[in-house]
Amino acid sequence: MNQIAAIYARVSSDRQKEQQTIGSQRAALFEYAQAHQYTIPPEWQFEDDGYSGGTLVRPGLERLRDLIAQRRSYSYLFKHLMYFPPF
């Protein structure tokens, strides 16, 4: 039986956006999820395109925090741990 997980991807610069970095992060996260039998519901897919890691005020990150606060998911997948700041 698959576990349910949430994913989060972020890019901050125009250069990263042009290089489709969010797309490559999402692809890697979905590949990992499939290999490890995780299901990623559409409403648990979060991203912030063009937001600096220097700020914790990011729409996708805020929605992920809300999900965590509700304890609706216990598995969270990130391409780079640096994209997920400590709370």
PDB file of N, CA and C in Angstrom:
ATOM      1  N   MET A   1       0.833  -1.178   0.000  1.00  0.00           N
ATOM      2  CA  MET A   1       0.000   0.000   0.000  1.00  0.00           C
ATOM      3  C   MET A   1       0.883   1.247   0.000  1.00  0.00           C
ATOM      4  N   ASN A   2       0.531   2.215  -0.825  1.00  0.00           N
ATOM      5  CA  ASN A   2       1.307   3.445  -0.923  1.00  0.00           C
ATOM      6  C   ASN A   2       1.047   4.375   0.259  1.00  0.00           C
ATOM      7  N   GLN A   3       2.095   5.057   0.656  1.00  0.00           N
ATOM      8  CA  GLN A   3       1.976   6.121   1.640  1.00  0.00           C
ATOM      9  C   GLN A   3       1.672   7.414   0.887  1.00  0.00           C
ATOM     10  N   ILE A   4       1.039   8.350   1.568  1.00  0.00           N
ATOM     11  CA  ILE A   4       0.771   9.642   0.957  1.00  0.00           C
ATOM     12  C   ILE A   4       1.838  10.619   1.440  1.00  0.00           C
ATOM     13  N   ALA A   5       2.341  11.423   0.519  1.00  0.00           N
ATOM     14  CA  ALA A   5       3.371  12.395   0.859  1.00  0.00           C
ATOM     15  C   ALA A   5       3.076  13.718   0.162  1.00  0.00           C
ATOM     16  N   ALA A   6       3.683  14.779   0.670  1.00  0.00           N
ATOM     17  CA  ALA A   6       3.627  16.097   0.058  1.00  0.00           C
ATOM     18  C   ALA A   6       4.992  16.405  -0.546  1.00  0.00           C
ATOM     19  N   ILE A   7       5.008  17.208  -1.609  1.00  0.00           N
ATOM     20  CA  ILE A   7       6.273  17.631  -2.207  1.00  0.00           C
ATOM     21  C   ILE A   7       6.345  19.160  -2.219  1.00  0.00           C
ATOM     22  N   TYR A   8       7.575  19.673  -2.229  1.00  0.00           N
ATOM     23  CA  TYR A   8       7.805  21.109  -2.299  1.00  0.00           C
ATOM     24  C   TYR A   8       9.009  21.374  -3.186  1.00  0.00           C
ATOM     25  N   ALA A   9       8.849  22.304  -4.123  1.00  0.00           N
ATOM     26  CA  ALA A   9       9.937  22.701  -5.015  1.00  0.00           C
ATOM     27  C   ALA A   9       9.975  24.229  -5.060  1.00  0.00           C
ATOM     28  N   ARG A  10      11.181  24.776  -5.254  1.00  0.00           N
ATOM     29  CA  ARG A  10      11.326  26.230  -5.293  1.00  0.00           C
ATOM     30  C   ARG A  10      12.495  26.634  -6.179  1.00  0.00           C
ATOM     31  N   VAL A  11      12.299  27.715  -6.921  1.00  0.00           N
ATOM     32  CA  VAL A  11      13.405  28.392  -7.606  1.00  0.00           C
ATOM     33  C   VAL A  11      13.292  29.869  -7.281  1.00  0.00           C
ATOM     34  N   SER A  12      14.440  30.550  -7.269  1.00  0.00           N
ATOM     35  CA  SER A  12      14.411  31.948  -6.857  1.00  0.00           C
ATOM     36  C   SER A  12      14.806  32.929  -7.947  1.00  0.00           C
ATOM     37  N   SER A  13      15.596  32.511  -8.897  1.00  0.00           N
ATOM     38  CA  SER A  13      16.098  33.478  -9.871  1.00  0.00           C
ATOM     39  C   SER A  13      15.451  33.302 -11.237  1.00  0.00           C
ATOM     40  N   ASP A  14      15.509  34.375 -12.041  1.00  0.00           N
ATOM     41  CA  ASP A  14      14.998  34.297 -13.408  1.00  0.00           C
ATOM     42  C   ASP A  14      15.750  33.230 -14.197  1.00  0.00           C
ATOM     43  N   ARG A  15      17.057  33.129 -13.952  1.00  0.00           N
ATOM     44  CA  ARG A  15      17.862  32.119 -14.656  1.00  0.00           C
ATOM     45  C   ARG A  15      17.367  30.714 -14.327  1.00  0.00           C
ATOM     46  N   GLN A  16      17.098  30.456 -13.048  1.00  0.00           N
ATOM     47  CA  GLN A  16      16.588  29.145 -12.655  1.00  0.00           C
ATOM     48  C   GLN A  16      15.226  28.891 -13.294  1.00  0.00           C
ATOM     49  N   LYS A  17      14.364  29.925 -13.326  1.00  0.00           N
ATOM     50  CA  LYS A  17      13.045  29.757 -13.932  1.00  0.00           C
ATOM     51  C   LYS A  17      13.172  29.405 -15.412  1.00  0.00           C
ATOM     52  N   GLU A  18      14.090  30.076 -16.109  1.00  0.00           N
ATOM     53  CA  GLU A  18      14.301  29.824 -17.537  1.00  0.00           C
ATOM     54  C   GLU A  18      14.810  28.406 -17.786  1.00  0.00           C
ATOM     55  N   GLN A  19      15.568  27.866 -16.861  1.00  0.00           N
ATOM     56  CA  GLN A  19      16.141  26.530 -17.036  1.00  0.00           C
ATOM     57  C   GLN A  19      15.174  25.425 -16.623  1.00  0.00           C
ATOM     58  N   GLN A  20      13.929  25.789 -16.333  1.00  0.00           N
ATOM     59  CA  GLN A  20      12.917  24.803 -15.974  1.00  0.00           C
ATOM     60  C   GLN A  20      13.298  24.028 -14.719  1.00  0.00           C
ATOM     61  N   THR A  21      13.941  24.686 -13.779  1.00  0.00           N
ATOM     62  CA  THR A  21      14.404  24.005 -12.585  1.00  0.00           C
ATOM     63  C   THR A  21      13.253  23.437 -11.764  1.00  0.00           C
ATOM     64  N   ILE A  22      12.134  24.144 -11.684  1.00  0.00           N
ATOM     65  CA  ILE A  22      10.971  23.608 -10.943  1.00  0.00           C
ATOM     66  C   ILE A  22      10.527  22.306 -11.591  1.00  0.00           C
ATOM     67  N   GLY A  23      10.464  22.294 -12.906  1.00  0.00           N
ATOM     68  CA  GLY A  23      10.060  21.073 -13.609  1.00  0.00           C
ATOM     69  C   GLY A  23      10.996  19.916 -13.341  1.00  0.00           C
ATOM     70  N   SER A  24      12.294  20.182 -13.330  1.00  0.00           N
ATOM     71  CA  SER A  24      13.248  19.097 -13.077  1.00  0.00           C
ATOM     72  C   SER A  24      13.184  18.640 -11.623  1.00  0.00           C
ATOM     73  N   GLN A  25      12.955  19.576 -10.695  1.00  0.00           N
ATOM     74  CA  GLN A  25      12.798  19.186  -9.291  1.00  0.00           C
ATOM     75  C   GLN A  25      11.563  18.309  -9.118  1.00  0.00           C
ATOM     76  N   ARG A  26      10.454  18.747  -9.711  1.00  0.00           N
ATOM     77  CA  ARG A  26       9.207  17.976  -9.595  1.00  0.00           C
ATOM     78  C   ARG A  26       9.378  16.582 -10.200  1.00  0.00           C
ATOM     79  N   ALA A  27      10.038  16.511 -11.344  1.00  0.00           N
ATOM     80  CA  ALA A  27      10.258  15.211 -11.990  1.00  0.00           C
ATOM     81  C   ALA A  27      11.066  14.290 -11.077  1.00  0.00           C
ATOM     82  N   ALA A  28      12.112  14.831 -10.463  1.00  0.00           N
ATOM     83  CA  ALA A  28      12.940  14.023  -9.553  1.00  0.00           C
ATOM     84  C   ALA A  28      12.130  13.579  -8.329  1.00  0.00           C
ATOM     85  N   LEU A  29      11.303  14.479  -7.802  1.00  0.00           N
ATOM     86  CA  LEU A  29      10.485  14.134  -6.635  1.00  0.00           C
ATOM     87  C   LEU A  29       9.454  13.058  -6.977  1.00  0.00           C
ATOM     88  N   PHE A  30       8.817  13.172  -8.130  1.00  0.00           N
ATOM     89  CA  PHE A  30       7.847  12.155  -8.535  1.00  0.00           C
ATOM     90  C   PHE A  30       8.519  10.814  -8.820  1.00  0.00           C
ATOM     91  N   GLU A  31       9.709  10.862  -9.393  1.00  0.00           N
ATOM     92  CA  GLU A  31      10.460   9.630  -9.633  1.00  0.00           C
ATOM     93  C   GLU A  31      10.792   8.939  -8.313  1.00  0.00           C
ATOM     94  N   TYR A  32      11.259   9.715  -7.350  1.00  0.00           N
ATOM     95  CA  TYR A  32      11.569   9.173  -6.023  1.00  0.00           C
ATOM     96  C   TYR A  32      10.301   8.607  -5.377  1.00  0.00           C
ATOM     97  N   ALA A  33       9.225   9.365  -5.455  1.00  0.00           N
ATOM     98  CA  ALA A  33       7.958   8.933  -4.853  1.00  0.00           C
ATOM     99  C   ALA A  33       7.491   7.612  -5.445  1.00  0.00           C
ATOM    100  N   GLN A  34       7.561   7.486  -6.739  1.00  0.00           N
ATOM    101  CA  GLN A  34       7.137   6.249  -7.390  1.00  0.00           C
ATOM    102  C   GLN A  34       8.026   5.078  -6.972  1.00  0.00           C
ATOM    103  N   ALA A  35       9.331   5.314  -6.932  1.00  0.00           N
ATOM    104  CA  ALA A  35      10.270   4.246  -6.570  1.00  0.00           C
ATOM    105  C   ALA A  35      10.089   3.786  -5.126  1.00  0.00           C
ATOM    106  N   HIS A  36       9.591   4.685  -4.271  1.00  0.00           N
ATOM    107  CA  HIS A  36       9.439   4.361  -2.854  1.00  0.00           C
ATOM    108  C   HIS A  36       7.975   4.223  -2.436  1.00  0.00           C
ATOM    109  N   GLN A  37       7.118   4.067  -3.404  1.00  0.00           N
ATOM    110  CA  GLN A  37       5.695   3.794  -3.203  1.00  0.00           C
ATOM    111  C   GLN A  37       4.969   4.894  -2.415  1.00  0.00           C
ATOM    112  N   TYR A  38       5.212   6.138  -2.807  1.00  0.00           N
ATOM    113  CA  TYR A  38       4.474   7.272  -2.264  1.00  0.00           C
ATOM    114  C   TYR A  38       3.453   7.723  -3.303  1.00  0.00           C
ATOM    115  N   THR A  39       2.316   8.141  -2.843  1.00  0.00           N
ATOM    116  CA  THR A  39       1.317   8.785  -3.676  1.00  0.00           C
ATOM    117  C   THR A  39       1.335  10.269  -3.335  1.00  0.00           C
ATOM    118  N   ILE A  40       1.332  11.109  -4.364  1.00  0.00           N
ATOM    119  CA  ILE A  40       1.365  12.555  -4.168  1.00  0.00           C
ATOM    120  C   ILE A  40       0.048  13.134  -4.698  1.00  0.00           C
ATOM    121  N   PRO A  41      -0.906  13.431  -3.813  1.00  0.00           N
ATOM    122  CA  PRO A  41      -2.160  14.033  -4.271  1.00  0.00           C
ATOM    123  C   PRO A  41      -1.902  15.424  -4.877  1.00  0.00           C
ATOM    124  N   PRO A  42      -2.663  15.808  -5.876  1.00  0.00           N
ATOM    125  CA  PRO A  42      -2.460  17.129  -6.494  1.00  0.00           C
ATOM    126  C   PRO A  42      -2.496  18.283  -5.495  1.00  0.00           C
ATOM    127  N   GLU A  43      -3.352  18.201  -4.504  1.00  0.00           N
ATOM    128  CA  GLU A  43      -3.458  19.287  -3.528  1.00  0.00           C
ATOM    129  C   GLU A  43      -2.294  19.304  -2.528  1.00  0.00           C
ATOM    130  N   TRP A  44      -1.408  18.337  -2.605  1.00  0.00           N
ATOM    131  CA  TRP A  44      -0.229  18.273  -1.738  1.00  0.00           C
ATOM    132  C   TRP A  44       1.051  18.508  -2.532  1.00  0.00           C
ATOM    133  N   GLN A  45       0.936  19.170  -3.663  1.00  0.00           N
ATOM    134  CA  GLN A  45       2.082  19.522  -4.491  1.00  0.00           C
ATOM    135  C   GLN A  45       2.276  21.036  -4.384  1.00  0.00           C
ATOM    136  N   PHE A  46       3.356  21.438  -3.740  1.00  0.00           N
ATOM    137  CA  PHE A  46       3.585  22.843  -3.463  1.00  0.00           C
ATOM    138  C   PHE A  46       4.840  23.320  -4.175  1.00  0.00           C
ATOM    139  N   GLU A  47       4.790  24.556  -4.659  1.00  0.00           N
ATOM    140  CA  GLU A  47       5.976  25.131  -5.279  1.00  0.00           C
ATOM    141  C   GLU A  47       5.947  26.645  -5.138  1.00  0.00           C
ATOM    142  N   ASP A  48       7.130  27.213  -5.158  1.00  0.00           N
ATOM    143  CA  ASP A  48       7.300  28.660  -5.148  1.00  0.00           C
ATOM    144  C   ASP A  48       8.270  29.006  -6.261  1.00  0.00           C
ATOM    145  N   ASP A  49       7.759  29.649  -7.275  1.00  0.00           N
ATOM    146  CA  ASP A  49       8.540  30.002  -8.454  1.00  0.00           C
ATOM    147  C   ASP A  49       8.915  31.480  -8.361  1.00  0.00           C
ATOM    148  N   GLY A  50      10.188  31.759  -8.169  1.00  0.00           N
ATOM    149  CA  GLY A  50      10.652  33.136  -8.115  1.00  0.00           C
ATOM    150  C   GLY A  50      10.730  33.727  -6.722  1.00  0.00           C
ATOM    151  N   TYR A  51      10.691  32.886  -5.693  1.00  0.00           N
ATOM    152  CA  TYR A  51      10.779  33.365  -4.313  1.00  0.00           C
ATOM    153  C   TYR A  51      12.144  33.039  -3.734  1.00  0.00           C
ATOM    154  N   SER A  52      12.760  34.015  -3.125  1.00  0.00           N
ATOM    155  CA  SER A  52      14.075  33.847  -2.525  1.00  0.00           C
ATOM    156  C   SER A  52      14.003  32.950  -1.298  1.00  0.00           C
ATOM    157  N   GLY A  53      15.050  32.164  -1.107  1.00  0.00           N
ATOM    158  CA  GLY A  53      15.164  31.362   0.101  1.00  0.00           C
ATOM    159  C   GLY A  53      15.461  32.214   1.321  1.00  0.00           C
ATOM    160  N   GLY A  54      15.756  33.506   1.087  1.00  0.00           N
ATOM    161  CA  GLY A  54      16.033  34.410   2.183  1.00  0.00           C
ATOM    162  C   GLY A  54      14.791  34.853   2.940  1.00  0.00           C
ATOM    163  N   THR A  55      13.625  34.534   2.398  1.00  0.00           N
ATOM    164  CA  THR A  55      12.383  34.871   3.076  1.00  0.00           C
ATOM    165  C   THR A  55      11.585  33.604   3.369  1.00  0.00           C
ATOM    166  N   LEU A  56      10.954  33.584   4.507  1.00  0.00           N
ATOM    167  CA  LEU A  56      10.100  32.448   4.853  1.00  0.00           C
ATOM    168  C   LEU A  56       8.655  32.687   4.443  1.00  0.00           C
ATOM    169  N   VAL A  57       8.385  33.865   3.883  1.00  0.00           N
ATOM    170  CA  VAL A  57       7.037  34.197   3.438  1.00  0.00           C
ATOM    171  C   VAL A  57       6.942  33.849   1.961  1.00  0.00           C
ATOM    172  N   ARG A  58       6.495  32.627   1.707  1.00  0.00           N
ATOM    173  CA  ARG A  58       6.330  32.113   0.350  1.00  0.00           C
ATOM    174  C   ARG A  58       4.990  31.389   0.294  1.00  0.00           C
ATOM    175  N   PRO A  59       4.162  31.645  -0.708  1.00  0.00           N
ATOM    176  CA  PRO A  59       2.818  31.056  -0.749  1.00  0.00           C
ATOM    177  C   PRO A  59       2.800  29.527  -0.661  1.00  0.00           C
ATOM    178  N   GLY A  60       3.634  28.867  -1.439  1.00  0.00           N
ATOM    179  CA  GLY A  60       3.660  27.403  -1.403  1.00  0.00           C
ATOM    180  C   GLY A  60       4.118  26.874  -0.061  1.00  0.00           C
ATOM    181  N   LEU A  61       5.128  27.504   0.499  1.00  0.00           N
ATOM    182  CA  LEU A  61       5.635  27.094   1.801  1.00  0.00           C
ATOM    183  C   LEU A  61       4.585  27.324   2.889  1.00  0.00           C
ATOM    184  N   GLU A  62       3.841  28.420   2.782  1.00  0.00           N
ATOM    185  CA  GLU A  62       2.771  28.686   3.749  1.00  0.00           C
ATOM    186  C   GLU A  62       1.706  27.587   3.700  1.00  0.00           C
ATOM    187  N   ARG A  63       1.320  27.180   2.499  1.00  0.00           N
ATOM    188  CA  ARG A  63       0.312  26.112   2.370  1.00  0.00           C
ATOM    189  C   ARG A  63       0.854  24.782   2.898  1.00  0.00           C
ATOM    190  N   LEU A  64       2.142  24.519   2.671  1.00  0.00           N
ATOM    191  CA  LEU A  64       2.751  23.304   3.215  1.00  0.00           C
ATOM    192  C   LEU A  64       2.768  23.351   4.739  1.00  0.00           C
ATOM    193  N   ARG A  65       3.101  24.503   5.299  1.00  0.00           N
ATOM    194  CA  ARG A  65       3.076  24.643   6.762  1.00  0.00           C
ATOM    195  C   ARG A  65       1.677  24.381   7.310  1.00  0.00           C
ATOM    196  N   ASP A  66       0.663  24.881   6.614  1.00  0.00           N
ATOM    197  CA  ASP A  66      -0.719  24.633   7.050  1.00  0.00           C
ATOM    198  C   ASP A  66      -1.017  23.135   7.063  1.00  0.00           C
ATOM    199  N   LEU A  67      -0.566  22.433   6.034  1.00  0.00           N
ATOM    200  CA  LEU A  67      -0.767  20.986   5.961  1.00  0.00           C
ATOM    201  C   LEU A  67      -0.073  20.283   7.123  1.00  0.00           C
ATOM    202  N   ILE A  68       1.153  20.698   7.409  1.00  0.00           N
ATOM    203  CA  ILE A  68       1.909  20.109   8.514  1.00  0.00           C
ATOM    204  C   ILE A  68       1.195  20.380   9.842  1.00  0.00           C
ATOM    205  N   ALA A  69       0.700  21.606  10.023  1.00  0.00           N
ATOM    206  CA  ALA A  69       0.004  21.960  11.264  1.00  0.00           C
ATOM    207  C   ALA A  69      -1.254  21.118  11.461  1.00  0.00           C
ATOM    208  N   GLN A  70      -1.893  20.743  10.363  1.00  0.00           N
ATOM    209  CA  GLN A  70      -3.091  19.907  10.430  1.00  0.00           C
ATOM    210  C   GLN A  70      -2.738  18.432  10.625  1.00  0.00           C
ATOM    211  N   ARG A  71      -1.450  18.125  10.531  1.00  0.00           N
ATOM    212  CA  ARG A  71      -0.947  16.747  10.654  1.00  0.00           C
ATOM    213  C   ARG A  71      -1.652  15.792   9.695  1.00  0.00           C
ATOM    214  N   ARG A  72      -1.861  16.287   8.479  1.00  0.00           N
ATOM    215  CA  ARG A  72      -2.524  15.479   7.465  1.00  0.00           C
ATOM    216  C   ARG A  72      -1.535  14.620   6.689  1.00  0.00           C
ATOM    217  N   SER A  73      -0.264  14.927   6.785  1.00  0.00           N
ATOM    218  CA  SER A  73       0.754  14.147   6.088  1.00  0.00           C
ATOM    219  C   SER A  73       1.963  14.030   7.007  1.00  0.00           C
ATOM    220  N   TYR A  74       2.619  12.899   6.963  1.00  0.00           N
ATOM    221  CA  TYR A  74       3.816  12.698   7.770  1.00  0.00           C
ATOM    222  C   TYR A  74       5.048  12.486   6.904  1.00  0.00           C
ATOM    223  N   SER A  75       4.861  12.498   5.603  1.00  0.00           N
ATOM    224  CA  SER A  75       5.986  12.355   4.691  1.00  0.00           C
ATOM    225  C   SER A  75       6.038  13.580   3.792  1.00  0.00           C
ATOM    226  N   TYR A  76       7.238  14.187   3.717  1.00  0.00           N
ATOM    227  CA  TYR A  76       7.440  15.386   2.922  1.00  0.00           C
ATOM    228  C   TYR A  76       8.693  15.179   2.097  1.00  0.00           C
ATOM    229  N   LEU A  77       8.600  15.429   0.797  1.00  0.00           N
ATOM    230  CA  LEU A  77       9.724  15.198  -0.096  1.00  0.00           C
ATOM    231  C   LEU A  77      10.210  16.529  -0.659  1.00  0.00           C
ATOM    232  N   PHE A  78      11.535  16.735  -0.609  1.00  0.00           N
ATOM    233  CA  PHE A  78      12.177  17.944  -1.101  1.00  0.00           C
ATOM    234  C   PHE A  78      13.368  17.526  -1.943  1.00  0.00           C
ATOM    235  N   LYS A  79      13.619  18.243  -3.024  1.00  0.00           N
ATOM    236  CA  LYS A  79      14.800  17.966  -3.830  1.00  0.00           C
ATOM    237  C   LYS A  79      16.053  18.374  -3.068  1.00  0.00           C
ATOM    238  N   HIS A  80      16.004  19.500  -2.390  1.00  0.00           N
ATOM    239  CA  HIS A  80      17.116  19.992  -1.587  1.00  0.00           C
ATOM    240  C   HIS A  80      16.570  20.390  -0.227  1.00  0.00           C
ATOM    241  N   LEU A  81      17.162  19.894   0.831  1.00  0.00           N
ATOM    242  CA  LEU A  81      16.678  20.217   2.163  1.00  0.00           C
ATOM    243  C   LEU A  81      16.755  21.715   2.445  1.00  0.00           C
ATOM    244  N   MET A  82      17.659  22.417   1.768  1.00  0.00           N
ATOM    245  CA  MET A  82      17.766  23.851   2.004  1.00  0.00           C
ATOM    246  C   MET A  82      16.502  24.595   1.591  1.00  0.00           C
ATOM    247  N   TYR A  83      15.640  23.969   0.784  1.00  0.00           N
ATOM    248  CA  TYR A  83      14.388  24.609   0.390  1.00  0.00           C
ATOM    249  C   TYR A  83      13.371  24.592   1.514  1.00  0.00           C
ATOM    250  N   PHE A  84      13.626  23.791   2.544  1.00  0.00           N
ATOM    251  CA  PHE A  84      12.695  23.668   3.646  1.00  0.00           C
ATOM    252  C   PHE A  84      13.331  24.189   4.916  1.00  0.00           C
ATOM    253  N   PRO A  85      13.007  25.415   5.288  1.00  0.00           N
ATOM    254  CA  PRO A  85      13.633  25.999   6.472  1.00  0.00           C
ATOM    255  C   PRO A  85      13.085  25.404   7.748  1.00  0.00           C
ATOM    256  N   PRO A  86      13.813  25.493   8.828  1.00  0.00           N
ATOM    257  CA  PRO A  86      13.293  25.022  10.108  1.00  0.00           C
ATOM    258  C   PRO A  86      12.143  25.918  10.559  1.00  0.00           C
ATOM    259  N   PHE A  87      11.234  25.352  11.310  1.00  0.00           N
ATOM    260  CA  PHE A  87      10.095  26.125  11.822  1.00  0.00           C
ATOM    261  C   PHE A  87      10.383  26.605  13.216  1.00  0.00           C
TER     262      PHE A  87
END
